[in-house]
C-alpha cells in the first residue's frame, strides 16, 4: 500500500473530521471512500461520453434499419 501526503486547509480538515466522526469511521477510511466515490463518478462520466459518441456514430444506420423494417412490415 502507498502512502500519500496532501496539504489541505484547516477548514477542510475540520469538516472532514466532523463528517468522519458523525459516520463513525476513521478520517483515513472516510478519505479513502471519498476517493473511491470520485473515481467511480469520473469513470461513469467517461462511460457516458463514450456511449454518447458511439450512439451518435450509429444513429444514421439505426434510422435506416428502422426505415427498412417499417417498409418490410407493411408489405
C-alpha atoms as a PDB file:
ATOM      1  CA  UNK A   1       0.000   0.000   0.000  1.00  0.00           C
ATOM      2  CA  UNK A   2       1.229   3.510  -0.784  1.00  0.00           C
ATOM      3  CA  UNK A   3       1.418   6.485   1.493  1.00  0.00           C
ATOM      4  CA  UNK A   4       0.042   9.782   0.190  1.00  0.00           C
ATOM      5  CA  UNK A   5       0.673  13.151   1.795  1.00  0.00           C
ATOM      6  CA  UNK A   6      -1.586  16.072   0.918  1.00  0.00           C
ATOM      7  CA  UNK A   7      -1.923  19.659   2.034  1.00  0.00           C
ATOM      8  CA  UNK A   8      -5.439  20.846   2.702  1.00  0.00           C
ATOM      9  CA  UNK A   9      -6.904  23.807   4.516  1.00  0.00           C
ATOM     10  CA  UNK A  10      -7.744  23.685   8.212  1.00  0.00           C
ATOM     11  CA  UNK A  11     -11.371  24.327   7.305  1.00  0.00           C
ATOM     12  CA  UNK A  12     -11.483  21.283   5.034  1.00  0.00           C
ATOM     13  CA  UNK A  13      -9.720  19.000   7.521  1.00  0.00           C
ATOM     14  CA  UNK A  14     -12.054  20.139  10.300  1.00  0.00           C
ATOM     15  CA  UNK A  15     -15.106  19.438   8.146  1.00  0.00           C
ATOM     16  CA  UNK A  16     -13.644  16.068   7.136  1.00  0.00           C
ATOM     17  CA  UNK A  17     -13.024  15.153  10.773  1.00  0.00           C
ATOM     18  CA  UNK A  18     -16.539  16.205  11.716  1.00  0.00           C
ATOM     19  CA  UNK A  19     -18.165  14.131   8.981  1.00  0.00           C
ATOM     20  CA  UNK A  20     -15.966  11.097   9.656  1.00  0.00           C
ATOM     21  CA  UNK A  21     -16.902  11.206  13.347  1.00  0.00           C
ATOM     22  CA  UNK A  22     -20.592  11.511  12.547  1.00  0.00           C
ATOM     23  CA  UNK A  23     -20.310   8.460  10.260  1.00  0.00           C
ATOM     24  CA  UNK A  24     -18.305   6.607  12.921  1.00  0.00           C
ATOM     25  CA  UNK A  25     -15.399   5.914  10.574  1.00  0.00           C
ATOM     26  CA  UNK A  26     -11.769   6.969  10.758  1.00  0.00           C
ATOM     27  CA  UNK A  27     -10.650  10.025   8.842  1.00  0.00           C
ATOM     28  CA  UNK A  28      -8.428   7.760   6.766  1.00  0.00           C
ATOM     29  CA  UNK A  29     -11.352   5.487   5.862  1.00  0.00           C
ATOM     30  CA  UNK A  30     -13.533   8.483   5.032  1.00  0.00           C
ATOM     31  CA  UNK A  31     -10.884   9.926   2.715  1.00  0.00           C
ATOM     32  CA  UNK A  32     -10.309   6.553   1.003  1.00  0.00           C
ATOM     33  CA  UNK A  33     -14.055   6.132   0.432  1.00  0.00           C
ATOM     34  CA  UNK A  34     -14.253   9.694  -0.897  1.00  0.00           C
ATOM     35  CA  UNK A  35     -11.519   8.973  -3.425  1.00  0.00           C
ATOM     36  CA  UNK A  36     -13.213   5.732  -4.484  1.00  0.00           C
ATOM     37  CA  UNK A  37     -16.517   7.552  -4.908  1.00  0.00           C
ATOM     38  CA  UNK A  38     -14.882  10.265  -7.009  1.00  0.00           C
ATOM     39  CA  UNK A  39     -13.118   7.649  -9.153  1.00  0.00           C
ATOM     40  CA  UNK A  40     -16.411   5.856  -9.759  1.00  0.00           C
ATOM     41  CA  UNK A  41     -18.074   9.136 -10.682  1.00  0.00           C
ATOM     42  CA  UNK A  42     -15.353  10.007 -13.185  1.00  0.00           C
ATOM     43  CA  UNK A  43     -15.500   6.502 -14.677  1.00  0.00           C
ATOM     44  CA  UNK A  44     -19.272   6.793 -15.088  1.00  0.00           C
ATOM     45  CA  UNK A  45     -18.903  10.194 -16.762  1.00  0.00           C
ATOM     46  CA  UNK A  46     -16.295   8.795 -19.148  1.00  0.00           C
ATOM     47  CA  UNK A  47     -18.538   5.836 -19.945  1.00  0.00           C
ATOM     48  CA  UNK A  48     -21.456   8.165 -20.611  1.00  0.00           C
ATOM     49  CA  UNK A  49     -19.321  10.227 -23.005  1.00  0.00           C
ATOM     50  CA  UNK A  50     -18.171   7.088 -24.839  1.00  0.00           C
ATOM     51  CA  UNK A  51     -21.722   5.782 -25.064  1.00  0.00           C
ATOM     52  CA  UNK A  52     -22.972   9.107 -26.407  1.00  0.00           C
ATOM     53  CA  UNK A  53     -20.223   9.181 -29.042  1.00  0.00           C
ATOM     54  CA  UNK A  54     -20.983   5.591 -30.074  1.00  0.00           C
ATOM     55  CA  UNK A  55     -24.689   6.305 -30.216  1.00  0.00           C
ATOM     56  CA  UNK A  56     -24.107   9.298 -32.486  1.00  0.00           C
ATOM     57  CA  UNK A  57     -21.906   7.194 -34.754  1.00  0.00           C
ATOM     58  CA  UNK A  58     -24.584   4.549 -35.320  1.00  0.00           C
ATOM     59  CA  UNK A  59     -27.596   6.880 -35.308  1.00  0.00           C
ATOM     60  CA  UNK A  60     -27.847   7.137 -39.093  1.00  0.00           C
ATOM     61  CA  UNK A  61     -27.525   3.384 -39.556  1.00  0.00           C
ATOM     62  CA  UNK A  62     -30.164   2.789 -36.894  1.00  0.00           C
ATOM     63  CA  UNK A  63     -32.553   5.175 -38.602  1.00  0.00           C
ATOM     64  CA  UNK A  64     -32.044   3.388 -41.927  1.00  0.00           C
ATOM     65  CA  UNK A  65     -32.613  -0.016 -40.308  1.00  0.00           C
ATOM     66  CA  UNK A  66     -35.824   1.271 -38.709  1.00  0.00           C
ATOM     67  CA  UNK A  67     -36.983   2.608 -42.062  1.00  0.00           C
ATOM     68  CA  UNK A  68     -36.203  -0.738 -43.730  1.00  0.00           C
ATOM     69  CA  UNK A  69     -38.142  -2.627 -41.058  1.00  0.00           C
ATOM     70  CA  UNK A  70     -41.095  -0.269 -41.458  1.00  0.00           C
ATOM     71  CA  UNK A  71     -41.149  -0.962 -45.194  1.00  0.00           C
ATOM     72  CA  UNK A  72     -40.946  -4.746 -44.658  1.00  0.00           C
ATOM     73  CA  UNK A  73     -43.662  -4.636 -42.018  1.00  0.00           C
ATOM     74  CA  UNK A  74     -46.180  -3.109 -44.399  1.00  0.00           C
ATOM     75  CA  UNK A  75     -45.509  -5.418 -47.350  1.00  0.00           C
END
